[in-house]
C-alpha atoms as a PDB file:
ATOM      1  CA  UNK A   1    -100.658 163.763  61.921  1.00  0.00           C
ATOM      2  CA  UNK A   2    -102.056 167.245  63.056  1.00  0.00           C
ATOM      3  CA  UNK A   3    -101.316 169.994  60.723  1.00  0.00           C
ATOM      4  CA  UNK A   4    -101.003 173.373  61.816  1.00  0.00           C
ATOM      5  CA  UNK A   5    -104.002 174.331  60.221  1.00  0.00           C
ATOM      6  CA  UNK A   6    -106.014 171.897  62.302  1.00  0.00           C
ATOM      7  CA  UNK A   7    -104.832 173.135  65.354  1.00  0.00           C
ATOM      8  CA  UNK A   8    -105.467 176.602  64.258  1.00  0.00           C
ATOM      9  CA  UNK A   9    -108.967 175.833  63.656  1.00  0.00           C
ATOM     10  CA  UNK A  10    -109.532 174.236  67.190  1.00  0.00           C
ATOM     11  CA  UNK A  11    -107.876 177.169  69.247  1.00  0.00           C
ATOM     12  CA  UNK A  12    -109.825 179.623  67.028  1.00  0.00           C
ATOM     13  CA  UNK A  13    -112.771 178.068  67.762  1.00  0.00           C
ATOM     14  CA  UNK A  14    -111.807 177.725  71.556  1.00  0.00           C
ATOM     15  CA  UNK A  15    -110.519 181.423  71.757  1.00  0.00           C
ATOM     16  CA  UNK A  16    -114.168 182.979  71.117  1.00  0.00           C
ATOM     17  CA  UNK A  17    -115.627 181.257  74.213  1.00  0.00           C
ATOM     18  CA  UNK A  18    -116.297 183.752  77.286  1.00  0.00           C
ATOM     19  CA  UNK A  19    -113.722 183.924  79.831  1.00  0.00           C
ATOM     20  CA  UNK A  20    -113.476 185.567  83.147  1.00  0.00           C
ATOM     21  CA  UNK A  21    -110.363 183.135  83.511  1.00  0.00           C
ATOM     22  CA  UNK A  22    -106.910 184.546  82.583  1.00  0.00           C
ATOM     23  CA  UNK A  23    -105.732 181.070  82.843  1.00  0.00           C
ATOM     24  CA  UNK A  24    -108.486 179.073  81.457  1.00  0.00           C
ATOM     25  CA  UNK A  25    -108.235 177.475  77.868  1.00  0.00           C
ATOM     26  CA  UNK A  26    -110.195 180.065  76.222  1.00  0.00           C
ATOM     27  CA  UNK A  27    -107.774 183.028  77.081  1.00  0.00           C
ATOM     28  CA  UNK A  28    -104.729 180.179  76.232  1.00  0.00           C
ATOM     29  CA  UNK A  29    -105.970 179.854  73.141  1.00  0.00           C
ATOM     30  CA  UNK A  30    -106.018 183.181  72.353  1.00  0.00           C
ATOM     31  CA  UNK A  31    -102.552 183.659  74.100  1.00  0.00           C
ATOM     32  CA  UNK A  32    -101.201 180.156  71.554  1.00  0.00           C
ATOM     33  CA  UNK A  33    -102.602 182.150  68.670  1.00  0.00           C
ATOM     34  CA  UNK A  34    -101.005 185.670  69.304  1.00  0.00           C
ATOM     35  CA  UNK A  35     -98.971 187.114  66.907  1.00  0.00           C
ATOM     36  CA  UNK A  36     -95.642 188.366  67.447  1.00  0.00           C
ATOM     37  CA  UNK A  37     -94.876 191.426  69.245  1.00  0.00           C
ATOM     38  CA  UNK A  38     -94.145 194.223  66.956  1.00  0.00           C
ATOM     39  CA  UNK A  39     -90.965 196.325  67.902  1.00  0.00           C
ATOM     40  CA  UNK A  40     -89.344 199.132  66.135  1.00  0.00           C
ATOM     41  CA  UNK A  41     -86.654 198.363  63.771  1.00  0.00           C
ATOM     42  CA  UNK A  42     -83.650 196.502  65.411  1.00  0.00           C
ATOM     43  CA  UNK A  43     -80.426 198.997  65.955  1.00  0.00           C
ATOM     44  CA  UNK A  44     -77.048 197.369  65.163  1.00  0.00           C
ATOM     45  CA  UNK A  45     -76.513 195.422  68.247  1.00  0.00           C
ATOM     46  CA  UNK A  46     -80.208 194.265  68.328  1.00  0.00           C
ATOM     47  CA  UNK A  47     -79.559 193.111  64.946  1.00  0.00           C
ATOM     48  CA  UNK A  48     -76.113 191.679  65.772  1.00  0.00           C
ATOM     49  CA  UNK A  49     -77.474 189.488  68.359  1.00  0.00           C
ATOM     50  CA  UNK A  50     -80.091 188.153  66.119  1.00  0.00           C
ATOM     51  CA  UNK A  51     -77.295 187.613  63.328  1.00  0.00           C
ATOM     52  CA  UNK A  52     -75.581 185.452  66.225  1.00  0.00           C
ATOM     53  CA  UNK A  53     -78.346 183.458  67.497  1.00  0.00           C
ATOM     54  CA  UNK A  54     -79.327 182.253  63.469  1.00  0.00           C
ATOM     55  CA  UNK A  55     -75.565 181.365  63.118  1.00  0.00           C
ATOM     56  CA  UNK A  56     -75.386 178.999  66.298  1.00  0.00           C
ATOM     57  CA  UNK A  57     -78.283 177.245  65.470  1.00  0.00           C
ATOM     58  CA  UNK A  58     -77.961 173.388  65.928  1.00  0.00           C
ATOM     59  CA  UNK A  59     -78.768 171.375  62.737  1.00  0.00           C
ATOM     60  CA  UNK A  60     -80.006 168.523  65.109  1.00  0.00           C
ATOM     61  CA  UNK A  61     -83.312 170.375  65.412  1.00  0.00           C
ATOM     62  CA  UNK A  62     -83.887 170.833  62.080  1.00  0.00           C
ATOM     63  CA  UNK A  63     -83.744 174.280  59.917  1.00  0.00           C
ATOM     64  CA  UNK A  64     -87.177 174.578  59.899  1.00  0.00           C
ATOM     65  CA  UNK A  65     -88.045 173.704  63.522  1.00  0.00           C
ATOM     66  CA  UNK A  66     -89.775 175.914  65.747  1.00  0.00           C
ATOM     67  CA  UNK A  67     -87.542 174.967  68.753  1.00  0.00           C
ATOM     68  CA  UNK A  68     -83.715 175.634  66.729  1.00  0.00           C
ATOM     69  CA  UNK A  69     -83.406 178.795  68.752  1.00  0.00           C
ATOM     70  CA  UNK A  70     -83.902 177.589  71.999  1.00  0.00           C
ATOM     71  CA  UNK A  71     -86.657 180.346  72.866  1.00  0.00           C
ATOM     72  CA  UNK A  72     -89.987 180.602  70.992  1.00  0.00           C
ATOM     73  CA  UNK A  73     -90.895 183.064  68.587  1.00  0.00           C
ATOM     74  CA  UNK A  74     -94.469 183.753  68.335  1.00  0.00           C
ATOM     75  CA  UNK A  75     -97.063 182.267  67.427  1.00  0.00           C
ATOM     76  CA  UNK A  76     -96.708 179.538  69.776  1.00  0.00           C
ATOM     77  CA  UNK A  77     -99.370 177.089  68.067  1.00  0.00           C
ATOM     78  CA  UNK A  78     -97.010 176.475  65.689  1.00  0.00           C
ATOM     79  CA  UNK A  79     -94.552 174.668  68.173  1.00  0.00           C
ATOM     80  CA  UNK A  80     -97.227 173.232  70.398  1.00  0.00           C
ATOM     81  CA  UNK A  81     -98.215 171.713  66.705  1.00  0.00           C
ATOM     82  CA  UNK A  82     -95.149 170.566  65.855  1.00  0.00           C
ATOM     83  CA  UNK A  83     -94.183 168.763  69.596  1.00  0.00           C
ATOM     84  CA  UNK A  84     -97.577 166.691  69.333  1.00  0.00           C
ATOM     85  CA  UNK A  85     -96.383 165.520  65.906  1.00  0.00           C
ATOM     86  CA  UNK A  86     -92.857 164.589  67.252  1.00  0.00           C
ATOM     87  CA  UNK A  87     -94.597 162.348  69.762  1.00  0.00           C
ATOM     88  CA  UNK A  88     -97.179 160.889  67.567  1.00  0.00           C
ATOM     89  CA  UNK A  89     -93.993 159.937  65.330  1.00  0.00           C
ATOM     90  CA  UNK A  90     -92.410 158.327  68.509  1.00  0.00           C
ATOM     91  CA  UNK A  91     -95.460 156.472  69.250  1.00  0.00           C
ATOM     92  CA  UNK A  92     -97.231 158.571  71.456  1.00  0.00           C
ATOM     93  CA  UNK A  93     -94.147 159.229  73.860  1.00  0.00           C
ATOM     94  CA  UNK A  94     -92.454 162.553  74.471  1.00  0.00           C
ATOM     95  CA  UNK A  95     -88.969 163.085  73.030  1.00  0.00           C
ATOM     96  CA  UNK A  96     -86.331 161.592  75.815  1.00  0.00           C
ATOM     97  CA  UNK A  97     -85.168 165.073  76.071  1.00  0.00           C
ATOM     98  CA  UNK A  98     -88.500 166.429  76.978  1.00  0.00           C
ATOM     99  CA  UNK A  99     -89.139 163.481  80.038  1.00  0.00           C
ATOM    100  CA  UNK A 100     -85.144 163.721  81.478  1.00  0.00           C
ATOM    101  CA  UNK A 101     -82.752 166.456  82.307  1.00  0.00           C
ATOM    102  CA  UNK A 102     -79.460 166.671  81.278  1.00  0.00           C
ATOM    103  CA  UNK A 103     -78.574 169.309  83.811  1.00  0.00           C
ATOM    104  CA  UNK A 104     -76.966 168.438  87.126  1.00  0.00           C
ATOM    105  CA  UNK A 105     -79.152 169.070  90.015  1.00  0.00           C
ATOM    106  CA  UNK A 106     -82.113 170.342  88.101  1.00  0.00           C
ATOM    107  CA  UNK A 107     -85.075 167.904  88.091  1.00  0.00           C
ATOM    108  CA  UNK A 108     -88.919 168.341  86.662  1.00  0.00           C
ATOM    109  CA  UNK A 109     -91.446 166.888  89.174  1.00  0.00           C
ATOM    110  CA  UNK A 110     -94.045 165.866  86.902  1.00  0.00           C
ATOM    111  CA  UNK A 111     -92.703 162.725  85.507  1.00  0.00           C
ATOM    112  CA  UNK A 112     -95.592 160.897  86.910  1.00  0.00           C
ATOM    113  CA  UNK A 113     -98.101 163.695  84.768  1.00  0.00           C
ATOM    114  CA  UNK A 114     -96.047 163.072  81.547  1.00  0.00           C
ATOM    115  CA  UNK A 115     -96.515 159.299  82.520  1.00  0.00           C
ATOM    116  CA  UNK A 116    -100.567 160.116  81.761  1.00  0.00           C
ATOM    117  CA  UNK A 117    -100.219 162.441  79.191  1.00  0.00           C
ATOM    118  CA  UNK A 118     -97.899 159.690  77.408  1.00  0.00           C
ATOM    119  CA  UNK A 119    -100.704 156.641  78.208  1.00  0.00           C
ATOM    120  CA  UNK A 120    -103.385 159.237  76.505  1.00  0.00           C
ATOM    121  CA  UNK A 121    -101.117 159.828  73.368  1.00  0.00           C
ATOM    122  CA  UNK A 122    -100.012 156.601  72.884  1.00  0.00           C
ATOM    123  CA  UNK A 123    -103.820 155.740  73.022  1.00  0.00           C
ATOM    124  CA  UNK A 124    -104.134 158.304  70.256  1.00  0.00           C
ATOM    125  CA  UNK A 125    -101.627 157.029  68.384  1.00  0.00           C
ATOM    126  CA  UNK A 126    -102.554 153.319  68.466  1.00  0.00           C
ATOM    127  CA  UNK A 127    -106.167 154.223  66.991  1.00  0.00           C
ATOM    128  CA  UNK A 128    -105.351 156.087  64.183  1.00  0.00           C
ATOM    129  CA  UNK A 129    -102.954 153.634  62.943  1.00  0.00           C
ATOM    130  CA  UNK A 130    -105.792 151.229  62.847  1.00  0.00           C
ATOM    131  CA  UNK A 131    -108.237 153.558  61.232  1.00  0.00           C
ATOM    132  CA  UNK A 132    -107.752 156.357  58.536  1.00  0.00           C
ATOM    133  CA  UNK A 133    -109.765 159.275  60.648  1.00  0.00           C
ATOM    134  CA  UNK A 134    -112.046 161.461  58.751  1.00  0.00           C
ATOM    135  CA  UNK A 135    -110.902 165.700  59.876  1.00  0.00           C
ATOM    136  CA  UNK A 136    -114.201 166.052  61.817  1.00  0.00           C
ATOM    137  CA  UNK A 137    -112.603 163.156  64.020  1.00  0.00           C
ATOM    138  CA  UNK A 138    -109.160 164.487  64.059  1.00  0.00           C
ATOM    139  CA  UNK A 139    -110.728 167.651  65.244  1.00  0.00           C
ATOM    140  CA  UNK A 140    -113.001 165.920  67.822  1.00  0.00           C
ATOM    141  CA  UNK A 141    -110.014 164.015  69.291  1.00  0.00           C
ATOM    142  CA  UNK A 142    -108.032 166.665  69.225  1.00  0.00           C
ATOM    143  CA  UNK A 143    -110.567 168.745  71.502  1.00  0.00           C
ATOM    144  CA  UNK A 144    -111.150 166.373  73.767  1.00  0.00           C
ATOM    145  CA  UNK A 145    -107.306 165.838  74.098  1.00  0.00           C
ATOM    146  CA  UNK A 146    -106.094 169.416  74.736  1.00  0.00           C
ATOM    147  CA  UNK A 147    -109.515 170.729  76.690  1.00  0.00           C
ATOM    148  CA  UNK A 148    -110.856 167.963  78.915  1.00  0.00           C
ATOM    149  CA  UNK A 149    -107.237 165.930  79.114  1.00  0.00           C
ATOM    150  CA  UNK A 150    -104.833 168.355  79.492  1.00  0.00           C
ATOM    151  CA  UNK A 151    -104.622 171.366  81.413  1.00  0.00           C
ATOM    152  CA  UNK A 152    -103.401 175.097  80.499  1.00  0.00           C
ATOM    153  CA  UNK A 153    -100.436 174.039  82.901  1.00  0.00           C
ATOM    154  CA  UNK A 154     -99.121 171.175  80.802  1.00  0.00           C
ATOM    155  CA  UNK A 155     -99.287 173.395  77.814  1.00  0.00           C
ATOM    156  CA  UNK A 156     -95.488 174.594  78.695  1.00  0.00           C
ATOM    157  CA  UNK A 157     -94.508 170.931  78.434  1.00  0.00           C
ATOM    158  CA  UNK A 158     -95.120 170.936  74.825  1.00  0.00           C
ATOM    159  CA  UNK A 159     -93.061 174.355  74.318  1.00  0.00           C
ATOM    160  CA  UNK A 160     -90.032 172.637  75.683  1.00  0.00           C
ATOM    161  CA  UNK A 161     -90.468 173.904  79.529  1.00  0.00           C
ATOM    162  CA  UNK A 162     -89.605 172.359  82.726  1.00  0.00           C
ATOM    163  CA  UNK A 163     -92.298 172.033  85.390  1.00  0.00           C
ATOM    164  CA  UNK A 164     -90.867 172.508  89.179  1.00  0.00           C
ATOM    165  CA  UNK A 165     -92.378 173.131  92.540  1.00  0.00           C
ATOM    166  CA  UNK A 166     -92.511 176.998  91.774  1.00  0.00           C
ATOM    167  CA  UNK A 167     -93.426 176.831  88.044  1.00  0.00           C
ATOM    168  CA  UNK A 168     -95.744 179.411  86.444  1.00  0.00           C
ATOM    169  CA  UNK A 169     -98.993 178.487  84.325  1.00  0.00           C
ATOM    170  CA  UNK A 170     -98.115 181.626  82.075  1.00  0.00           C
ATOM    171  CA  UNK A 171     -96.701 180.956  78.428  1.00  0.00           C
ATOM    172  CA  UNK A 172     -93.186 182.179  78.208  1.00  0.00           C
ATOM    173  CA  UNK A 173     -92.034 185.440  76.482  1.00  0.00           C
ATOM    174  CA  UNK A 174     -90.822 185.384  73.478  1.00  0.00           C
ATOM    175  CA  UNK A 175     -87.407 185.609  71.370  1.00  0.00           C
ATOM    176  CA  UNK A 176     -87.817 189.214  70.320  1.00  0.00           C
ATOM    177  CA  UNK A 177     -89.108 190.212  73.981  1.00  0.00           C
ATOM    178  CA  UNK A 178     -86.042 188.420  75.107  1.00  0.00           C
ATOM    179  CA  UNK A 179     -83.683 190.266  72.679  1.00  0.00           C
ATOM    180  CA  UNK A 180     -84.728 193.433  73.311  1.00  0.00           C
ATOM    181  CA  UNK A 181     -84.495 193.221  77.175  1.00  0.00           C
ATOM    182  CA  UNK A 182     -80.677 192.022  76.468  1.00  0.00           C
ATOM    183  CA  UNK A 183     -79.680 194.421  74.089  1.00  0.00           C
ATOM    184  CA  UNK A 184     -81.614 197.611  75.952  1.00  0.00           C
ATOM    185  CA  UNK A 185     -78.864 200.404  77.028  1.00  0.00           C
ATOM    186  CA  UNK A 186     -77.576 199.789  80.393  1.00  0.00           C
ATOM    187  CA  UNK A 187     -78.106 203.604  82.173  1.00  0.00           C
ATOM    188  CA  UNK A 188     -77.058 204.477  85.318  1.00  0.00           C
ATOM    189  CA  UNK A 189     -77.541 207.981  86.688  1.00  0.00           C
ATOM    190  CA  UNK A 190     -74.391 209.812  87.840  1.00  0.00           C
ATOM    191  CA  UNK A 191     -74.690 213.225  89.026  1.00  0.00           C
ATOM    192  CA  UNK A 192     -71.778 215.301  90.464  1.00  0.00           C
ATOM    193  CA  UNK A 193     -72.798 218.285  92.569  1.00  0.00           C
ATOM    194  CA  UNK A 194     -69.917 221.204  92.836  1.00  0.00           C
ATOM    195  CA  UNK A 195     -70.486 223.735  94.982  1.00  0.00           C
ATOM    196  CA  UNK A 196     -69.785 227.646  94.007  1.00  0.00           C
ATOM    197  CA  UNK A 197     -71.434 230.480  92.772  1.00  0.00           C
ATOM    198  CA  UNK A 198     -70.712 230.668  89.164  1.00  0.00           C
ATOM    199  CA  UNK A 199     -73.507 230.266  86.453  1.00  0.00           C
ATOM    200  CA  UNK A 200     -73.433 227.341  84.275  1.00  0.00           C
ATOM    201  CA  UNK A 201     -71.825 227.855  80.538  1.00  0.00           C
ATOM    202  CA  UNK A 202     -74.935 225.962  79.186  1.00  0.00           C
ATOM    203  CA  UNK A 203     -71.957 223.246  77.591  1.00  0.00           C
ATOM    204  CA  UNK A 204     -72.974 219.963  76.543  1.00  0.00           C
ATOM    205  CA  UNK A 205     -73.561 217.607  79.740  1.00  0.00           C
ATOM    206  CA  UNK A 206     -73.886 220.394  82.247  1.00  0.00           C
ATOM    207  CA  UNK A 207     -76.676 222.495  83.873  1.00  0.00           C
ATOM    208  CA  UNK A 208     -76.104 225.728  85.777  1.00  0.00           C
ATOM    209  CA  UNK A 209     -78.120 226.671  88.871  1.00  0.00           C
ATOM    210  CA  UNK A 210     -76.198 229.460  90.704  1.00  0.00           C
ATOM    211  CA  UNK A 211     -75.096 228.168  94.061  1.00  0.00           C
ATOM    212  CA  UNK A 212     -74.383 224.792  92.347  1.00  0.00           C
ATOM    213  CA  UNK A 213     -73.185 223.023  89.181  1.00  0.00           C
ATOM    214  CA  UNK A 214     -74.519 219.957  88.304  1.00  0.00           C
ATOM    215  CA  UNK A 215     -72.719 217.391  85.616  1.00  0.00           C
ATOM    216  CA  UNK A 216     -74.576 214.409  83.926  1.00  0.00           C
ATOM    217  CA  UNK A 217     -72.112 211.780  83.214  1.00  0.00           C
ATOM    218  CA  UNK A 218     -72.497 210.874  79.218  1.00  0.00           C
ATOM    219  CA  UNK A 219     -74.691 207.781  79.026  1.00  0.00           C
ATOM    220  CA  UNK A 220     -72.690 204.971  77.868  1.00  0.00           C
ATOM    221  CA  UNK A 221     -73.500 202.291  74.691  1.00  0.00           C
ATOM    222  CA  UNK A 222     -72.886 199.529  76.846  1.00  0.00           C
ATOM    223  CA  UNK A 223     -76.241 197.080  76.659  1.00  0.00           C
ATOM    224  CA  UNK A 224     -77.816 195.138  79.684  1.00  0.00           C
ATOM    225  CA  UNK A 225     -76.283 191.906  78.700  1.00  0.00           C
ATOM    226  CA  UNK A 226     -73.142 193.514  78.354  1.00  0.00           C
ATOM    227  CA  UNK A 227     -73.388 195.001  81.579  1.00  0.00           C
ATOM    228  CA  UNK A 228     -73.882 191.613  83.198  1.00  0.00           C
ATOM    229  CA  UNK A 229     -71.706 189.820  81.030  1.00  0.00           C
ATOM    230  CA  UNK A 230     -68.688 192.297  82.669  1.00  0.00           C
ATOM    231  CA  UNK A 231     -69.364 191.629  86.064  1.00  0.00           C
ATOM    232  CA  UNK A 232     -70.193 187.928  85.855  1.00  0.00           C
ATOM    233  CA  UNK A 233     -67.329 185.850  83.826  1.00  0.00           C
ATOM    234  CA  UNK A 234     -64.969 186.085  86.299  1.00  0.00           C
ATOM    235  CA  UNK A 235     -66.575 183.369  88.442  1.00  0.00           C
ATOM    236  CA  UNK A 236     -65.459 180.617  85.360  1.00  0.00           C
ATOM    237  CA  UNK A 237     -61.596 180.825  86.268  1.00  0.00           C
ATOM    238  CA  UNK A 238     -60.799 178.497  83.414  1.00  0.00           C
ATOM    239  CA  UNK A 239     -62.534 180.745  80.744  1.00  0.00           C
ATOM    240  CA  UNK A 240     -63.872 177.878  78.529  1.00  0.00           C
ATOM    241  CA  UNK A 241     -67.163 179.094  78.713  1.00  0.00           C
ATOM    242  CA  UNK A 242     -67.196 182.315  79.113  1.00  0.00           C
ATOM    243  CA  UNK A 243     -64.389 184.012  77.488  1.00  0.00           C
ATOM    244  CA  UNK A 244     -63.460 187.030  78.636  1.00  0.00           C
ATOM    245  CA  UNK A 245     -64.840 190.975  78.480  1.00  0.00           C
ATOM    246  CA  UNK A 246     -62.579 193.483  76.997  1.00  0.00           C
ATOM    247  CA  UNK A 247     -62.415 196.238  74.441  1.00  0.00           C
ATOM    248  CA  UNK A 248     -64.433 198.705  73.645  1.00  0.00           C
ATOM    249  CA  UNK A 249     -67.853 199.030  74.715  1.00  0.00           C
ATOM    250  CA  UNK A 250     -68.972 197.786  71.029  1.00  0.00           C
ATOM    251  CA  UNK A 251     -67.260 194.963  71.150  1.00  0.00           C
ATOM    252  CA  UNK A 252     -68.340 193.997  74.987  1.00  0.00           C
ATOM    253  CA  UNK A 253     -71.887 194.189  73.387  1.00  0.00           C
ATOM    254  CA  UNK A 254     -71.280 191.703  70.623  1.00  0.00           C
ATOM    255  CA  UNK A 255     -68.897 189.340  73.317  1.00  0.00           C
ATOM    256  CA  UNK A 256     -71.906 189.271  75.265  1.00  0.00           C
ATOM    257  CA  UNK A 257     -74.364 188.411  72.615  1.00  0.00           C
ATOM    258  CA  UNK A 258     -72.516 185.785  71.286  1.00  0.00           C
ATOM    259  CA  UNK A 259     -72.702 184.553  74.874  1.00  0.00           C
ATOM    260  CA  UNK A 260     -76.153 184.420  75.061  1.00  0.00           C
ATOM    261  CA  UNK A 261     -76.923 183.110  71.778  1.00  0.00           C
ATOM    262  CA  UNK A 262     -74.443 180.168  72.713  1.00  0.00           C
ATOM    263  CA  UNK A 263     -76.930 179.768  75.727  1.00  0.00           C
ATOM    264  CA  UNK A 264     -80.276 180.077  73.939  1.00  0.00           C
ATOM    265  CA  UNK A 265     -79.126 177.269  70.961  1.00  0.00           C
ATOM    266  CA  UNK A 266     -77.862 175.437  73.024  1.00  0.00           C
ATOM    267  CA  UNK A 267     -80.733 174.749  75.457  1.00  0.00           C
ATOM    268  CA  UNK A 268     -81.528 171.863  77.584  1.00  0.00           C
ATOM    269  CA  UNK A 269     -83.565 173.127  80.432  1.00  0.00           C
ATOM    270  CA  UNK A 270     -86.060 175.818  80.563  1.00  0.00           C
ATOM    271  CA  UNK A 271     -88.008 176.824  82.864  1.00  0.00           C
ATOM    272  CA  UNK A 272     -90.474 180.001  84.064  1.00  0.00           C
ATOM    273  CA  UNK A 273     -91.017 179.743  87.677  1.00  0.00           C
ATOM    274  CA  UNK A 274     -91.388 182.197  90.976  1.00  0.00           C
ATOM    275  CA  UNK A 275     -88.637 183.013  92.866  1.00  0.00           C
ATOM    276  CA  UNK A 276     -88.990 183.943  96.967  1.00  0.00           C
ATOM    277  CA  UNK A 277     -91.210 186.819  97.116  1.00  0.00           C
ATOM    278  CA  UNK A 278     -93.138 186.366  93.861  1.00  0.00           C
ATOM    279  CA  UNK A 279     -90.481 187.189  91.586  1.00  0.00           C
ATOM    280  CA  UNK A 280     -91.530 185.688  88.469  1.00  0.00           C
ATOM    281  CA  UNK A 281     -88.364 184.467  86.402  1.00  0.00           C
ATOM    282  CA  UNK A 282     -87.604 182.934  83.153  1.00  0.00           C
ATOM    283  CA  UNK A 283     -84.911 180.750  83.044  1.00  0.00           C
ATOM    284  CA  UNK A 284     -82.707 179.383  80.560  1.00  0.00           C
ATOM    285  CA  UNK A 285     -79.857 176.969  80.539  1.00  0.00           C
ATOM    286  CA  UNK A 286     -77.438 174.562  78.645  1.00  0.00           C
ATOM    287  CA  UNK A 287     -76.737 171.060  79.672  1.00  0.00           C
ATOM    288  CA  UNK A 288     -73.709 172.183  81.371  1.00  0.00           C
ATOM    289  CA  UNK A 289     -75.543 174.341  83.485  1.00  0.00           C
ATOM    290  CA  UNK A 290     -74.421 177.885  82.474  1.00  0.00           C
ATOM    291  CA  UNK A 291     -77.445 179.913  81.612  1.00  0.00           C
ATOM    292  CA  UNK A 292     -79.590 183.092  81.960  1.00  0.00           C
ATOM    293  CA  UNK A 293     -82.206 184.918  83.875  1.00  0.00           C
ATOM    294  CA  UNK A 294     -84.825 187.281  82.945  1.00  0.00           C
ATOM    295  CA  UNK A 295     -87.499 188.617  85.488  1.00  0.00           C
ATOM    296  CA  UNK A 296     -90.984 189.592  84.031  1.00  0.00           C
ATOM    297  CA  UNK A 297     -93.415 191.901  85.699  1.00  0.00           C
ATOM    298  CA  UNK A 298     -96.821 190.416  85.821  1.00  0.00           C
ATOM    299  CA  UNK A 299     -99.553 190.442  88.694  1.00  0.00           C
ATOM    300  CA  UNK A 300     -98.940 187.484  90.718  1.00  0.00           C
ATOM    301  CA  UNK A 301    -101.196 185.498  93.637  1.00  0.00           C
ATOM    302  CA  UNK A 302     -99.724 183.746  96.646  1.00  0.00           C
ATOM    303  CA  UNK A 303    -100.833 180.389  95.232  1.00  0.00           C
ATOM    304  CA  UNK A 304     -99.037 178.886  92.274  1.00  0.00           C
ATOM    305  CA  UNK A 305     -98.071 182.178  90.389  1.00  0.00           C
ATOM    306  CA  UNK A 306    -101.554 182.510  88.913  1.00  0.00           C
ATOM    307  CA  UNK A 307    -102.537 185.799  87.176  1.00  0.00           C
ATOM    308  CA  UNK A 308    -105.493 187.859  88.521  1.00  0.00           C
ATOM    309  CA  UNK A 309    -106.578 189.831  85.576  1.00  0.00           C
ATOM    310  CA  UNK A 310    -108.434 188.182  82.542  1.00  0.00           C
ATOM    311  CA  UNK A 311    -107.562 189.536  79.213  1.00  0.00           C
ATOM    312  CA  UNK A 312    -110.343 190.092  76.913  1.00  0.00           C
ATOM    313  CA  UNK A 313    -110.309 188.336  72.994  1.00  0.00           C
ATOM    314  CA  UNK A 314    -110.039 191.293  71.676  1.00  0.00           C
ATOM    315  CA  UNK A 315    -106.980 192.662  72.923  1.00  0.00           C
ATOM    316  CA  UNK A 316    -104.970 189.470  73.739  1.00  0.00           C
ATOM    317  CA  UNK A 317    -104.279 188.645  70.121  1.00  0.00           C
ATOM    318  CA  UNK A 318    -101.932 191.417  70.162  1.00  0.00           C
ATOM    319  CA  UNK A 319    -100.860 191.242  73.429  1.00  0.00           C
ATOM    320  CA  UNK A 320     -97.409 189.122  74.962  1.00  0.00           C
ATOM    321  CA  UNK A 321     -98.710 186.304  76.824  1.00  0.00           C
ATOM    322  CA  UNK A 322     -97.559 187.089  80.274  1.00  0.00           C
ATOM    323  CA  UNK A 323     -98.077 190.655  80.544  1.00  0.00           C
ATOM    324  CA  UNK A 324    -101.319 192.741  81.531  1.00  0.00           C
ATOM    325  CA  UNK A 325    -102.135 194.304  78.260  1.00  0.00           C
ATOM    326  CA  UNK A 326    -101.477 197.887  79.741  1.00  0.00           C
ATOM    327  CA  UNK A 327     -98.181 197.185  79.912  1.00  0.00           C
ATOM    328  CA  UNK A 328     -95.503 197.418  76.950  1.00  0.00           C
ATOM    329  CA  UNK A 329     -93.248 194.156  76.104  1.00  0.00           C
ATOM    330  CA  UNK A 330     -89.868 196.616  76.737  1.00  0.00           C
ATOM    331  CA  UNK A 331     -90.955 197.917  80.343  1.00  0.00           C
ATOM    332  CA  UNK A 332     -92.239 194.519  81.283  1.00  0.00           C
ATOM    333  CA  UNK A 333     -89.527 192.207  81.160  1.00  0.00           C
ATOM    334  CA  UNK A 334     -85.937 192.545  82.114  1.00  0.00           C
ATOM    335  CA  UNK A 335     -82.672 190.996  82.084  1.00  0.00           C
ATOM    336  CA  UNK A 336     -81.556 190.361  85.094  1.00  0.00           C
ATOM    337  CA  UNK A 337     -78.077 188.016  84.544  1.00  0.00           C
ATOM    338  CA  UNK A 338     -75.980 184.871  83.805  1.00  0.00           C
ATOM    339  CA  UNK A 339     -76.223 181.819  85.760  1.00  0.00           C
ATOM    340  CA  UNK A 340     -73.504 179.152  86.972  1.00  0.00           C
ATOM    341  CA  UNK A 341     -73.950 175.549  86.945  1.00  0.00           C
ATOM    342  CA  UNK A 342     -75.625 174.731  89.757  1.00  0.00           C
ATOM    343  CA  UNK A 343     -73.276 173.544  92.611  1.00  0.00           C
ATOM    344  CA  UNK A 344     -73.178 172.519  95.959  1.00  0.00           C
ATOM    345  CA  UNK A 345     -72.801 175.156  98.678  1.00  0.00           C
ATOM    346  CA  UNK A 346     -72.769 177.613  95.463  1.00  0.00           C
ATOM    347  CA  UNK A 347     -74.104 180.893  97.387  1.00  0.00           C
ATOM    348  CA  UNK A 348     -70.877 180.283  99.745  1.00  0.00           C
ATOM    349  CA  UNK A 349     -68.659 179.818  97.197  1.00  0.00           C
ATOM    350  CA  UNK A 350     -69.817 182.766  95.171  1.00  0.00           C
ATOM    351  CA  UNK A 351     -70.510 180.855  92.511  1.00  0.00           C
ATOM    352  CA  UNK A 352     -66.538 180.860  91.653  1.00  0.00           C
ATOM    353  CA  UNK A 353     -65.296 178.013  90.186  1.00  0.00           C
END
């Protein structure tokens, strides 16, 4: 068994090595050990979403599983440790749901690589089963497995993500980052200009400027997630999955929270990948194919979604995993909307079913 402390020791040692590459093992070790991003005290609707997620957590993963909420919480090395131990408990093989996709029309492209990793883990498992390895032997074996056999791109497999043609090497955003992007208040600037010579009265919501009086429309309390939900839920005519979006803005916010919580706590497909025009996207879907999507502002090159700037060890331990340290998580992650199941000619049908 690989304890959290053993893995932390190995990663801490690697993180102290000099690096100029955002995607090498020293940098990846820093990011795996990074603590959770600090956010202000959650407001009412954000706290409600966290409560929805907690109430939707499936018992199948176990109450203490790092994977039970679908989207991981930091530090990620705890999830890496849990997945490695799941594999060793399975004789060195990945759990079935890691290898095989449950989602229609979505398949990973790294099947051969998964087999190679399994063969190495089976060999380690069998070796440790025949002897009782010392701590130093475990550390040495783990170092070889991580830093000589695995590549940084393999890490996301152990964090529950899929690998497709456009998959990125970055680590994924955390649960807190995704939640805060979802519950951000939706703002749409609307200004009405009226001709006239009268001065503005200075009342709330209006500004007088002599020739024109501009009236600012009051900002609503609808979240970004609820706004996306209100535009999306009609696509499922059966209303079996999405339900309806009705009531006050507070009620719509809570309805959207329930839907997102249902999606992420029943995650069967998670991928961090690049869309056309190098748009980095974090996507999560249920086994039925319903999903949600965020976009991330991170520097990309034209090949393999690689980063162009390396973090320094001193700054990265408190920086988000995929973000340049000069960007705040609130502005670097944007909720982009909900997803319908994959279907033939989906765009032609406008994803209505």
